[in-house]
Amino acid sequence: MRVVIAGGHGKIARLLLRDLTGRGDTAVGLIRNPDHAAALRAAGAHPVLADLEHLGVDDLAGHLGGADAVVFAAGAGPGSGAARKDTVDRAAAVLLADAAQRAGVRRYLLVSSMGVEGEPRPGTDEVFAAYLRAKKAAEDDVTGRDLDWTVLRPGRLTDDPPTGRITLARRVPRGAVTRTDVARVLVALLHTPASADMILELVGGDTPIGEAVAAVTAR
């Protein structure tokens, strides 16, 4: 499987690239900083310079040729303001969907966030509220398309060692999950076609990842 990941130098993306290449898949990471290329090559992935805030849909579609799936794991990141939450967390996700359709790539995984439904809680930081609204707008756009999409909403992300055990469902209680476990769930979803057209929330739990993905996608 050839998988193209937007936000290729992000923490989850680098773990995902490593896991994909480790199982024999071809992993391509889209990056905007050429200085990040070496880190992707070290993970066995193919870096491609593509700034999603300034790239046109045709140019981006050209980078998706031959792909079996795309994953949107990009984010404006800490320290960015509300405006970049919109241009990256929403608009870049929409651009990737446009390019995927242009390139004939049907499989699209969107890394979103728990807490996006409804208005942010009173007292929520203005920038974080903008982030949640941008993520929800991206979800609304992607899930309205003729794509084999899956939306994954992780809980609070940590850099703790992975447990390999999760809780995965349409709705789960709020909680934390390691970034490594998120990456491993994404790999499992990519290789589970029945996960298409599903919005799933994810936190740490007691069920092994493979069993959890099999259970939620059983129809």
Protein backbone atom coordinates (compact mmCIF):
# COMPACT_ATOMS: atom_id res chain seq x y z
CA MET A 1 0.00 0.00 0.00
CA ARG A 2 1.27 3.49 -0.89
CA VAL A 3 0.16 6.06 1.69
CA VAL A 4 0.69 9.83 1.47
CA ILE A 5 0.63 11.68 4.79
CA ALA A 6 0.05 15.42 5.05
CA GLY A 7 1.94 16.97 7.94
CA GLY A 8 4.67 14.40 7.49
CA HIS A 9 7.01 15.80 10.17
CA GLY A 10 4.40 15.91 12.93
CA LYS A 11 4.78 13.60 15.92
CA ILE A 12 1.95 11.24 14.97
CA ALA A 13 2.89 11.36 11.29
CA ARG A 14 6.50 10.32 11.92
CA LEU A 15 5.34 7.39 14.05
CA LEU A 16 2.85 6.44 11.34
CA LEU A 17 5.49 6.65 8.62
CA ARG A 18 7.79 4.39 10.63
CA ASP A 19 5.06 1.84 11.29
CA LEU A 20 3.97 1.76 7.65
CA THR A 21 7.46 1.27 6.30
CA GLY A 22 8.12 -1.33 8.98
CA ARG A 23 5.30 -3.47 7.64
CA GLY A 24 6.40 -3.08 4.04
CA ASP A 25 4.11 -0.28 2.90
CA THR A 26 5.39 2.70 0.92
CA ALA A 27 5.07 5.88 2.98
CA VAL A 28 5.28 9.42 1.59
CA GLY A 29 5.40 12.43 3.89
CA LEU A 30 4.38 15.89 2.72
CA ILE A 31 6.49 18.56 4.45
CA ARG A 32 6.86 22.31 4.09
CA ASN A 33 10.36 22.60 5.57
CA PRO A 34 13.15 20.97 3.53
CA ASP A 35 15.20 20.63 6.73
CA HIS A 36 12.76 17.92 7.84
CA ALA A 37 13.48 15.63 4.89
CA ALA A 38 16.33 13.78 6.60
CA ALA A 39 14.13 12.74 9.52
CA LEU A 40 11.62 11.20 7.13
CA ARG A 41 14.30 9.38 5.18
CA ALA A 42 15.64 8.00 8.46
CA ALA A 43 12.19 6.51 9.08
CA GLY A 44 12.29 4.85 5.65
CA ALA A 45 9.77 7.28 4.15
CA HIS A 46 9.88 9.44 1.03
CA PRO A 47 9.77 13.19 1.80
CA VAL A 48 7.98 15.51 -0.62
CA LEU A 49 8.14 19.29 -0.29
CA ALA A 50 4.57 20.56 -0.37
CA ASP A 51 3.38 23.60 1.59
CA LEU A 52 -0.37 23.05 1.86
CA GLU A 53 -0.98 26.70 2.72
CA HIS A 54 0.41 27.84 -0.62
CA LEU A 55 0.03 24.92 -3.02
CA GLY A 56 -2.64 24.63 -5.69
CA VAL A 57 -4.88 21.60 -6.02
CA ASP A 58 -3.35 20.45 -9.31
CA ASP A 59 0.17 20.57 -7.93
CA LEU A 60 -0.87 18.66 -4.82
CA ALA A 61 -2.75 16.09 -6.89
CA GLY A 62 0.47 15.51 -8.79
CA HIS A 63 2.10 14.36 -5.55
CA LEU A 64 -0.69 11.82 -4.95
CA GLY A 65 -0.27 9.82 -8.14
CA GLY A 66 -0.25 6.08 -7.47
CA ALA A 67 -1.35 6.49 -3.86
CA ASP A 68 -3.79 4.01 -2.33
CA ALA A 69 -4.66 6.31 0.57
CA VAL A 70 -4.00 9.74 2.04
CA VAL A 71 -3.87 10.71 5.71
CA PHE A 72 -4.35 14.25 6.97
CA ALA A 73 -2.21 14.53 10.10
CA ALA A 74 -1.18 18.16 9.70
CA GLY A 75 -1.82 20.91 12.21
CA ALA A 76 -0.90 24.53 12.75
CA GLY A 77 0.82 23.48 15.96
CA PRO A 78 1.55 25.15 19.31
CA GLY A 79 2.06 28.89 19.21
CA SER A 80 -0.04 29.46 16.10
CA GLY A 81 -2.99 31.81 16.18
CA ALA A 82 -6.63 31.34 15.29
CA ALA A 83 -6.08 32.32 11.65
CA ARG A 84 -3.65 29.44 11.03
CA LYS A 85 -5.99 27.00 12.73
CA ASP A 86 -8.31 27.76 9.82
CA THR A 87 -5.73 27.77 7.03
CA VAL A 88 -4.11 24.51 8.17
CA ASP A 89 -6.53 22.46 10.25
CA ARG A 90 -9.49 23.21 7.98
CA ALA A 91 -8.38 24.56 4.61
CA ALA A 92 -5.41 22.23 4.14
CA ALA A 93 -7.58 19.21 4.96
CA VAL A 94 -10.09 20.38 2.37
CA LEU A 95 -7.30 20.94 -0.17
CA LEU A 96 -6.04 17.39 0.40
CA ALA A 97 -9.55 16.07 -0.21
CA ASP A 98 -9.82 18.11 -3.42
CA ALA A 99 -6.46 16.78 -4.58
CA ALA A 100 -7.33 13.19 -3.65
CA GLN A 101 -10.46 13.34 -5.77
CA ARG A 102 -8.53 14.98 -8.61
CA ALA A 103 -5.91 12.19 -8.43
CA GLY A 104 -8.48 9.39 -8.10
CA VAL A 105 -7.48 8.43 -4.54
CA ARG A 106 -10.59 7.29 -2.68
CA ARG A 107 -9.22 6.41 0.77
CA TYR A 108 -8.90 9.40 3.10
CA LEU A 109 -8.14 9.29 6.83
CA LEU A 110 -8.60 12.51 8.77
CA VAL A 111 -6.99 12.91 12.18
CA SER A 112 -9.37 15.17 14.09
CA SER A 113 -9.93 15.62 17.82
CA MET A 114 -12.38 14.74 20.54
CA GLY A 115 -14.47 17.69 21.66
CA VAL A 116 -15.27 19.09 18.22
CA GLU A 117 -19.03 18.55 18.36
CA GLY A 118 -21.08 21.40 19.74
CA GLU A 119 -19.73 24.75 20.86
CA PRO A 120 -16.51 24.80 22.91
CA ARG A 121 -17.06 24.83 26.65
CA PRO A 122 -17.38 28.24 28.35
CA GLY A 123 -13.97 29.57 29.25
CA THR A 124 -12.19 27.65 26.47
CA ASP A 125 -9.11 29.46 25.21
CA GLU A 126 -9.96 31.42 22.06
CA VAL A 127 -7.25 29.80 19.94
CA PHE A 128 -8.15 26.29 21.10
CA ALA A 129 -11.80 27.03 20.33
CA ALA A 130 -10.75 28.08 16.83
CA TYR A 131 -8.84 24.81 16.52
CA LEU A 132 -11.90 22.76 17.47
CA ARG A 133 -14.12 24.67 15.04
CA ALA A 134 -11.57 24.22 12.25
CA LYS A 135 -11.37 20.48 12.88
CA LYS A 136 -15.16 20.17 12.82
CA ALA A 137 -15.39 22.17 9.60
CA ALA A 138 -12.82 19.87 8.03
CA GLU A 139 -14.82 16.84 9.16
CA ASP A 140 -18.02 18.29 7.72
CA ASP A 141 -16.37 18.88 4.36
CA VAL A 142 -14.61 15.53 4.06
CA THR A 143 -17.54 13.42 5.26
CA GLY A 144 -19.78 15.05 2.68
CA ARG A 145 -17.63 13.83 -0.20
CA ASP A 146 -17.70 10.73 -2.36
CA LEU A 147 -14.59 9.34 -0.68
CA ASP A 148 -13.90 6.28 1.47
CA TRP A 149 -13.21 8.49 4.46
CA THR A 150 -12.56 7.67 8.08
CA VAL A 151 -12.38 10.30 10.82
CA LEU A 152 -10.34 9.47 13.91
CA ARG A 153 -10.81 11.66 16.99
CA PRO A 154 -8.10 10.98 19.57
CA GLY A 155 -8.38 12.21 23.12
CA ARG A 156 -5.65 14.12 24.93
CA LEU A 157 -2.35 13.16 23.31
CA THR A 158 0.68 12.06 25.33
CA ASP A 159 4.22 10.99 24.57
CA ASP A 160 4.04 8.16 27.10
CA PRO A 161 5.14 4.66 26.05
CA PRO A 162 2.42 2.85 24.08
CA THR A 163 0.18 0.35 25.81
CA GLY A 164 -1.23 -1.28 22.69
CA ARG A 165 -4.63 -1.23 24.40
CA ILE A 166 -7.37 1.25 23.59
CA THR A 167 -11.02 2.18 23.72
CA LEU A 168 -12.37 2.85 20.22
CA ALA A 169 -16.01 3.63 19.40
CA ARG A 170 -18.34 6.26 17.98
CA ARG A 171 -18.45 7.82 21.45
CA VAL A 172 -16.00 7.23 24.29
CA PRO A 173 -15.44 8.96 27.65
CA ARG A 174 -12.84 11.70 27.64
CA GLY A 175 -9.33 10.50 28.32
CA ALA A 176 -5.76 10.36 27.08
CA VAL A 177 -4.02 8.22 24.47
CA THR A 178 -0.39 7.90 23.46
CA ARG A 179 0.66 9.22 20.09
CA THR A 180 2.25 5.87 19.29
CA ASP A 181 -1.05 4.08 19.88
CA VAL A 182 -2.80 6.65 17.66
CA ALA A 183 -0.35 5.88 14.85
CA ARG A 184 -0.90 2.15 15.27
CA VAL A 185 -4.66 2.60 15.15
CA LEU A 186 -4.28 4.60 11.93
CA VAL A 187 -2.28 1.74 10.39
CA ALA A 188 -4.99 -0.73 11.41
CA LEU A 189 -7.74 1.49 9.97
CA LEU A 190 -5.86 1.93 6.70
CA HIS A 191 -5.75 -1.83 6.32
CA THR A 192 -9.40 -2.31 7.33
CA PRO A 193 -11.64 -1.25 4.42
CA ALA A 194 -14.75 -1.69 6.59
CA SER A 195 -13.69 1.36 8.60
CA ALA A 196 -14.72 3.64 5.71
CA ASP A 197 -17.54 6.08 6.45
CA MET A 198 -16.94 5.92 10.20
CA ILE A 199 -16.24 8.65 12.77
CA LEU A 200 -14.40 7.08 15.70
CA GLU A 201 -13.21 8.41 19.04
CA LEU A 202 -10.08 6.99 20.64
CA VAL A 203 -8.58 6.91 24.14
CA GLY A 204 -6.42 4.48 26.03
CA GLY A 205 -8.22 1.40 27.31
CA ASP A 206 -8.11 -2.33 27.86
CA THR A 207 -8.68 -3.80 24.38
CA PRO A 208 -5.77 -4.70 22.07
CA ILE A 209 -5.72 -2.45 19.01
CA GLY A 210 -6.42 -5.19 16.48
CA GLU A 211 -9.38 -6.50 18.48
CA ALA A 212 -10.78 -3.01 18.99
CA VAL A 213 -10.64 -2.14 15.29
CA ALA A 214 -12.16 -5.50 14.34
CA ALA A 215 -14.98 -5.06 16.83
CA VAL A 216 -15.91 -1.52 15.80
CA THR A 217 -15.88 -2.37 12.10
CA ALA A 218 -17.86 -5.62 12.36
CA ARG A 219 -21.09 -5.15 10.42
